[in-house]
Amino acid sequence: MARDDDSDWGRNLALGMEVAVGVGIGYFIGHWADKRFGWAPWGVYAGVMLGCAAGMYSLIKESVRSNKR
């Protein structure tokens, strides 16, 4: 029988990956914008911050959803 604290490790891992992928995508889009428009380094900064914001939004949304159960 699984313990309660170990039963949802897959979902927690997926949430961490969502944040990491969001930051990674933001970095690459920002890097592209820097090269394309000559905005260095502001495109990368903005992309990473938007990726962090998207990841935090996802974490907060999941936290609210899990607290309703």
PDB file of N, CA and C in Angstrom:
ATOM      1  N   MET A   1       0.836  -1.175   0.000  1.00  0.00           N
ATOM      2  CA  MET A   1       0.000   0.000   0.000  1.00  0.00           C
ATOM      3  C   MET A   1       0.886   1.245   0.000  1.00  0.00           C
ATOM      4  N   ALA A   2       0.595   2.202  -0.871  1.00  0.00           N
ATOM      5  CA  ALA A   2       1.397   3.415  -0.978  1.00  0.00           C
ATOM      6  C   ALA A   2       1.052   4.384   0.145  1.00  0.00           C
ATOM      7  N   ARG A   3       2.081   5.075   0.606  1.00  0.00           N
ATOM      8  CA  ARG A   3       1.847   6.113   1.606  1.00  0.00           C
ATOM      9  C   ARG A   3       1.256   7.336   0.916  1.00  0.00           C
ATOM     10  N   ASP A   4       0.528   8.155   1.659  1.00  0.00           N
ATOM     11  CA  ASP A   4      -0.133   9.329   1.091  1.00  0.00           C
ATOM     12  C   ASP A   4       0.847  10.349   0.548  1.00  0.00           C
ATOM     13  N   ASP A   5       1.993  10.543   1.201  1.00  0.00           N
ATOM     14  CA  ASP A   5       2.946  11.559   0.751  1.00  0.00           C
ATOM     15  C   ASP A   5       3.728  11.117  -0.484  1.00  0.00           C
ATOM     16  N   ASP A   6       3.745   9.839  -0.807  1.00  0.00           N
ATOM     17  CA  ASP A   6       4.458   9.342  -1.978  1.00  0.00           C
ATOM     18  C   ASP A   6       3.539   9.069  -3.168  1.00  0.00           C
ATOM     19  N   SER A   7       2.252   9.216  -2.998  1.00  0.00           N
ATOM     20  CA  SER A   7       1.319   8.780  -4.024  1.00  0.00           C
ATOM     21  C   SER A   7       1.229   9.722  -5.218  1.00  0.00           C
ATOM     22  N   ASP A   8       1.660  10.977  -5.089  1.00  0.00           N
ATOM     23  CA  ASP A   8       1.484  11.954  -6.157  1.00  0.00           C
ATOM     24  C   ASP A   8       2.831  12.474  -6.676  1.00  0.00           C
ATOM     25  N   TRP A   9       3.867  11.674  -6.588  1.00  0.00           N
ATOM     26  CA  TRP A   9       5.196  12.152  -6.988  1.00  0.00           C
ATOM     27  C   TRP A   9       5.287  12.401  -8.483  1.00  0.00           C
ATOM     28  N   GLY A  10       4.550  11.672  -9.281  1.00  0.00           N
ATOM     29  CA  GLY A  10       4.578  11.861 -10.731  1.00  0.00           C
ATOM     30  C   GLY A  10       4.013  13.215 -11.129  1.00  0.00           C
ATOM     31  N   ARG A  11       2.936  13.620 -10.507  1.00  0.00           N
ATOM     32  CA  ARG A  11       2.345  14.939 -10.806  1.00  0.00           C
ATOM     33  C   ARG A  11       3.266  16.057 -10.358  1.00  0.00           C
ATOM     34  N   ASN A  12       3.909  15.905  -9.223  1.00  0.00           N
ATOM     35  CA  ASN A  12       4.849  16.918  -8.755  1.00  0.00           C
ATOM     36  C   ASN A  12       6.054  17.033  -9.685  1.00  0.00           C
ATOM     37  N   LEU A  13       6.523  15.920 -10.188  1.00  0.00           N
ATOM     38  CA  LEU A  13       7.627  15.937 -11.144  1.00  0.00           C
ATOM     39  C   LEU A  13       7.204  16.638 -12.434  1.00  0.00           C
ATOM     40  N   ALA A  14       5.986  16.383 -12.877  1.00  0.00           N
ATOM     41  CA  ALA A  14       5.479  17.034 -14.086  1.00  0.00           C
ATOM     42  C   ALA A  14       5.364  18.545 -13.897  1.00  0.00           C
ATOM     43  N   LEU A  15       4.965  18.992 -12.721  1.00  0.00           N
ATOM     44  CA  LEU A  15       4.883  20.433 -12.465  1.00  0.00           C
ATOM     45  C   LEU A  15       6.262  21.080 -12.526  1.00  0.00           C
ATOM     46  N   GLY A  16       7.252  20.427 -11.980  1.00  0.00           N
ATOM     47  CA  GLY A  16       8.621  20.942 -12.063  1.00  0.00           C
ATOM     48  C   GLY A  16       9.115  21.011 -13.501  1.00  0.00           C
ATOM     49  N   MET A  17       8.765  20.007 -14.273  1.00  0.00           N
ATOM     50  CA  MET A  17       9.153  20.009 -15.680  1.00  0.00           C
ATOM     51  C   MET A  17       8.441  21.116 -16.453  1.00  0.00           C
ATOM     52  N   GLU A  18       7.194  21.404 -16.110  1.00  0.00           N
ATOM     53  CA  GLU A  18       6.467  22.496 -16.762  1.00  0.00           C
ATOM     54  C   GLU A  18       7.177  23.827 -16.548  1.00  0.00           C
ATOM     55  N   VAL A  19       7.641  24.064 -15.339  1.00  0.00           N
ATOM     56  CA  VAL A  19       8.367  25.300 -15.046  1.00  0.00           C
ATOM     57  C   VAL A  19       9.678  25.334 -15.830  1.00  0.00           C
ATOM     58  N   ALA A  20      10.412  24.233 -15.817  1.00  0.00           N
ATOM     59  CA  ALA A  20      11.697  24.187 -16.511  1.00  0.00           C
ATOM     60  C   ALA A  20      11.531  24.365 -18.016  1.00  0.00           C
ATOM     61  N   VAL A  21      10.542  23.739 -18.589  1.00  0.00           N
ATOM     62  CA  VAL A  21      10.309  23.874 -20.033  1.00  0.00           C
ATOM     63  C   VAL A  21       9.875  25.292 -20.368  1.00  0.00           C
ATOM     64  N   GLY A  22       9.044  25.896 -19.530  1.00  0.00           N
ATOM     65  CA  GLY A  22       8.624  27.276 -19.756  1.00  0.00           C
ATOM     66  C   GLY A  22       9.797  28.238 -19.753  1.00  0.00           C
ATOM     67  N   VAL A  23      10.690  28.074 -18.810  1.00  0.00           N
ATOM     68  CA  VAL A  23      11.881  28.924 -18.746  1.00  0.00           C
ATOM     69  C   VAL A  23      12.782  28.660 -19.946  1.00  0.00           C
ATOM     70  N   GLY A  24      12.946  27.408 -20.317  1.00  0.00           N
ATOM     71  CA  GLY A  24      13.780  27.068 -21.473  1.00  0.00           C
ATOM     72  C   GLY A  24      13.239  27.640 -22.770  1.00  0.00           C
ATOM     73  N   ILE A  25      11.947  27.513 -22.976  1.00  0.00           N
ATOM     74  CA  ILE A  25      11.342  28.069 -24.190  1.00  0.00           C
ATOM     75  C   ILE A  25      11.463  29.589 -24.189  1.00  0.00           C
ATOM     76  N   GLY A  26      11.237  30.203 -23.034  1.00  0.00           N
ATOM     77  CA  GLY A  26      11.393  31.651 -22.932  1.00  0.00           C
ATOM     78  C   GLY A  26      12.812  32.096 -23.245  1.00  0.00           C
ATOM     79  N   TYR A  27      13.792  31.314 -22.781  1.00  0.00           N
ATOM     80  CA  TYR A  27      15.186  31.639 -23.073  1.00  0.00           C
ATOM     81  C   TYR A  27      15.459  31.586 -24.573  1.00  0.00           C
ATOM     82  N   PHE A  28      15.024  30.524 -25.228  1.00  0.00           N
ATOM     83  CA  PHE A  28      15.320  30.385 -26.649  1.00  0.00           C
ATOM     84  C   PHE A  28      14.589  31.417 -27.503  1.00  0.00           C
ATOM     85  N   ILE A  29      13.358  31.748 -27.151  1.00  0.00           N
ATOM     86  CA  ILE A  29      12.645  32.796 -27.884  1.00  0.00           C
ATOM     87  C   ILE A  29      13.320  34.146 -27.648  1.00  0.00           C
ATOM     88  N   GLY A  30      13.724  34.409 -26.408  1.00  0.00           N
ATOM     89  CA  GLY A  30      14.433  35.651 -26.108  1.00  0.00           C
ATOM     90  C   GLY A  30      15.765  35.737 -26.826  1.00  0.00           C
ATOM     91  N   HIS A  31      16.469  34.625 -26.902  1.00  0.00           N
ATOM     92  CA  HIS A  31      17.747  34.593 -27.615  1.00  0.00           C
ATOM     93  C   HIS A  31      17.537  34.867 -29.105  1.00  0.00           C
ATOM     94  N   TRP A  32      16.496  34.279 -29.668  1.00  0.00           N
ATOM     95  CA  TRP A  32      16.168  34.545 -31.067  1.00  0.00           C
ATOM     96  C   TRP A  32      15.845  36.025 -31.273  1.00  0.00           C
ATOM     97  N   ALA A  33      15.056  36.606 -30.378  1.00  0.00           N
ATOM     98  CA  ALA A  33      14.695  38.025 -30.497  1.00  0.00           C
ATOM     99  C   ALA A  33      15.935  38.906 -30.374  1.00  0.00           C
ATOM    100  N   ASP A  34      16.857  38.528 -29.510  1.00  0.00           N
ATOM    101  CA  ASP A  34      18.101  39.295 -29.378  1.00  0.00           C
ATOM    102  C   ASP A  34      18.879  39.298 -30.685  1.00  0.00           C
ATOM    103  N   LYS A  35      18.999  38.145 -31.306  1.00  0.00           N
ATOM    104  CA  LYS A  35      19.741  38.058 -32.564  1.00  0.00           C
ATOM    105  C   LYS A  35      19.003  38.774 -33.695  1.00  0.00           C
ATOM    106  N   ARG A  36      17.688  38.620 -33.736  1.00  0.00           N
ATOM    107  CA  ARG A  36      16.887  39.165 -34.838  1.00  0.00           C
ATOM    108  C   ARG A  36      16.785  40.682 -34.784  1.00  0.00           C
ATOM    109  N   PHE A  37      16.549  41.226 -33.599  1.00  0.00           N
ATOM    110  CA  PHE A  37      16.281  42.649 -33.457  1.00  0.00           C
ATOM    111  C   PHE A  37      17.404  43.437 -32.783  1.00  0.00           C
ATOM    112  N   GLY A  38      18.445  42.755 -32.319  1.00  0.00           N
ATOM    113  CA  GLY A  38      19.567  43.427 -31.667  1.00  0.00           C
ATOM    114  C   GLY A  38      19.233  43.970 -30.286  1.00  0.00           C
ATOM    115  N   TRP A  39      18.410  43.264 -29.552  1.00  0.00           N
ATOM    116  CA  TRP A  39      17.969  43.714 -28.238  1.00  0.00           C
ATOM    117  C   TRP A  39      18.850  43.213 -27.093  1.00  0.00           C
ATOM    118  N   ALA A  40      19.944  42.571 -27.392  1.00  0.00           N
ATOM    119  CA  ALA A  40      20.742  41.885 -26.372  1.00  0.00           C
ATOM    120  C   ALA A  40      20.988  42.773 -25.170  1.00  0.00           C
ATOM    121  N   PRO A  41      20.872  42.290 -24.002  1.00  0.00           N
ATOM    122  CA  PRO A  41      20.401  40.998 -23.500  1.00  0.00           C
ATOM    123  C   PRO A  41      18.941  41.012 -23.082  1.00  0.00           C
ATOM    124  N   TRP A  42      18.185  42.030 -23.431  1.00  0.00           N
ATOM    125  CA  TRP A  42      16.836  42.211 -22.908  1.00  0.00           C
ATOM    126  C   TRP A  42      15.843  41.156 -23.389  1.00  0.00           C
ATOM    127  N   GLY A  43      16.033  40.618 -24.552  1.00  0.00           N
ATOM    128  CA  GLY A  43      15.130  39.580 -25.030  1.00  0.00           C
ATOM    129  C   GLY A  43      15.205  38.328 -24.171  1.00  0.00           C
ATOM    130  N   VAL A  44      16.414  37.938 -23.820  1.00  0.00           N
ATOM    131  CA  VAL A  44      16.592  36.757 -22.968  1.00  0.00           C
ATOM    132  C   VAL A  44      16.002  37.021 -21.589  1.00  0.00           C
ATOM    133  N   TYR A  45      16.264  38.196 -21.029  1.00  0.00           N
ATOM    134  CA  TYR A  45      15.707  38.521 -19.712  1.00  0.00           C
ATOM    135  C   TYR A  45      14.188  38.456 -19.729  1.00  0.00           C
ATOM    136  N   ALA A  46      13.586  39.082 -20.735  1.00  0.00           N
ATOM    137  CA  ALA A  46      12.131  39.093 -20.826  1.00  0.00           C
ATOM    138  C   ALA A  46      11.582  37.682 -21.053  1.00  0.00           C
ATOM    139  N   GLY A  47      12.234  36.902 -21.905  1.00  0.00           N
ATOM    140  CA  GLY A  47      11.778  35.544 -22.174  1.00  0.00           C
ATOM    141  C   GLY A  47      11.841  34.656 -20.951  1.00  0.00           C
ATOM    142  N   VAL A  48      12.924  34.743 -20.210  1.00  0.00           N
ATOM    143  CA  VAL A  48      13.069  33.927 -19.005  1.00  0.00           C
ATOM    144  C   VAL A  48      12.051  34.349 -17.948  1.00  0.00           C
ATOM    145  N   MET A  49      11.840  35.646 -17.799  1.00  0.00           N
ATOM    146  CA  MET A  49      10.864  36.110 -16.812  1.00  0.00           C
ATOM    147  C   MET A  49       9.441  35.692 -17.185  1.00  0.00           C
ATOM    148  N   LEU A  50       9.112  35.757 -18.475  1.00  0.00           N
ATOM    149  CA  LEU A  50       7.796  35.291 -18.904  1.00  0.00           C
ATOM    150  C   LEU A  50       7.652  33.790 -18.692  1.00  0.00           C
ATOM    151  N   GLY A  51       8.723  33.038 -18.925  1.00  0.00           N
ATOM    152  CA  GLY A  51       8.701  31.598 -18.658  1.00  0.00           C
ATOM    153  C   GLY A  51       8.503  31.299 -17.181  1.00  0.00           C
ATOM    154  N   CYS A  52       9.173  32.063 -16.326  1.00  0.00           N
ATOM    155  CA  CYS A  52       8.988  31.895 -14.875  1.00  0.00           C
ATOM    156  C   CYS A  52       7.557  32.230 -14.467  1.00  0.00           C
ATOM    157  N   ALA A  53       7.019  33.298 -15.031  1.00  0.00           N
ATOM    158  CA  ALA A  53       5.646  33.694 -14.707  1.00  0.00           C
ATOM    159  C   ALA A  53       4.659  32.623 -15.149  1.00  0.00           C
ATOM    160  N   ALA A  54       4.865  32.058 -16.328  1.00  0.00           N
ATOM    161  CA  ALA A  54       3.980  30.999 -16.810  1.00  0.00           C
ATOM    162  C   ALA A  54       4.088  29.766 -15.912  1.00  0.00           C
ATOM    163  N   GLY A  55       5.285  29.428 -15.489  1.00  0.00           N
ATOM    164  CA  GLY A  55       5.468  28.291 -14.592  1.00  0.00           C
ATOM    165  C   GLY A  55       4.827  28.517 -13.232  1.00  0.00           C
ATOM    166  N   MET A  56       4.965  29.718 -12.696  1.00  0.00           N
ATOM    167  CA  MET A  56       4.346  30.028 -11.412  1.00  0.00           C
ATOM    168  C   MET A  56       2.817  30.015 -11.522  1.00  0.00           C
ATOM    169  N   TYR A  57       2.299  30.501 -12.648  1.00  0.00           N
ATOM    170  CA  TYR A  57       0.850  30.449 -12.872  1.00  0.00           C
ATOM    171  C   TYR A  57       0.374  29.002 -12.855  1.00  0.00           C
ATOM    172  N   SER A  58       1.110  28.138 -13.507  1.00  0.00           N
ATOM    173  CA  SER A  58       0.750  26.724 -13.547  1.00  0.00           C
ATOM    174  C   SER A  58       0.803  26.107 -12.150  1.00  0.00           C
ATOM    175  N   LEU A  59       1.831  26.438 -11.375  1.00  0.00           N
ATOM    176  CA  LEU A  59       1.943  25.908 -10.018  1.00  0.00           C
ATOM    177  C   LEU A  59       0.804  26.392  -9.131  1.00  0.00           C
ATOM    178  N   ILE A  60       0.477  27.670  -9.225  1.00  0.00           N
ATOM    179  CA  ILE A  60      -0.601  28.220  -8.398  1.00  0.00           C
ATOM    180  C   ILE A  60      -1.939  27.615  -8.786  1.00  0.00           C
ATOM    181  N   LYS A  61      -2.177  27.477 -10.089  1.00  0.00           N
ATOM    182  CA  LYS A  61      -3.433  26.884 -10.553  1.00  0.00           C
ATOM    183  C   LYS A  61      -3.573  25.449 -10.053  1.00  0.00           C
ATOM    184  N   GLU A  62      -2.514  24.678 -10.118  1.00  0.00           N
ATOM    185  CA  GLU A  62      -2.560  23.293  -9.638  1.00  0.00           C
ATOM    186  C   GLU A  62      -2.719  23.239  -8.123  1.00  0.00           C
ATOM    187  N   SER A  63      -2.094  24.157  -7.412  1.00  0.00           N
ATOM    188  CA  SER A  63      -2.217  24.199  -5.955  1.00  0.00           C
ATOM    189  C   SER A  63      -3.654  24.489  -5.540  1.00  0.00           C
ATOM    190  N   VAL A  64      -4.278  25.437  -6.196  1.00  0.00           N
ATOM    191  CA  VAL A  64      -5.680  25.756  -5.898  1.00  0.00           C
ATOM    192  C   VAL A  64      -6.568  24.560  -6.208  1.00  0.00           C
ATOM    193  N   ARG A  65      -6.294  23.913  -7.342  1.00  0.00           N
ATOM    194  CA  ARG A  65      -7.101  22.756  -7.725  1.00  0.00           C
ATOM    195  C   ARG A  65      -6.944  21.604  -6.734  1.00  0.00           C
ATOM    196  N   SER A  66      -5.726  21.359  -6.259  1.00  0.00           N
ATOM    197  CA  SER A  66      -5.512  20.253  -5.342  1.00  0.00           C
ATOM    198  C   SER A  66      -6.070  20.549  -3.942  1.00  0.00           C
ATOM    199  N   ASN A  67      -6.149  21.824  -3.563  1.00  0.00           N
ATOM    200  CA  ASN A  67      -6.713  22.172  -2.263  1.00  0.00           C
ATOM    201  C   ASN A  67      -8.232  22.048  -2.241  1.00  0.00           C
ATOM    202  N   LYS A  68      -8.863  22.066  -3.407  1.00  0.00           N
ATOM    203  CA  LYS A  68     -10.314  21.918  -3.473  1.00  0.00           C
ATOM    204  C   LYS A  68     -10.750  20.473  -3.255  1.00  0.00           C
ATOM    205  N   ARG A  69      -9.830  19.512  -3.435  1.00  0.00           N
ATOM    206  CA  ARG A  69     -10.177  18.096  -3.263  1.00  0.00           C
ATOM    207  C   ARG A  69     -10.318  17.724  -1.819  1.00  0.00           C
TER     208      ARG A  69
END
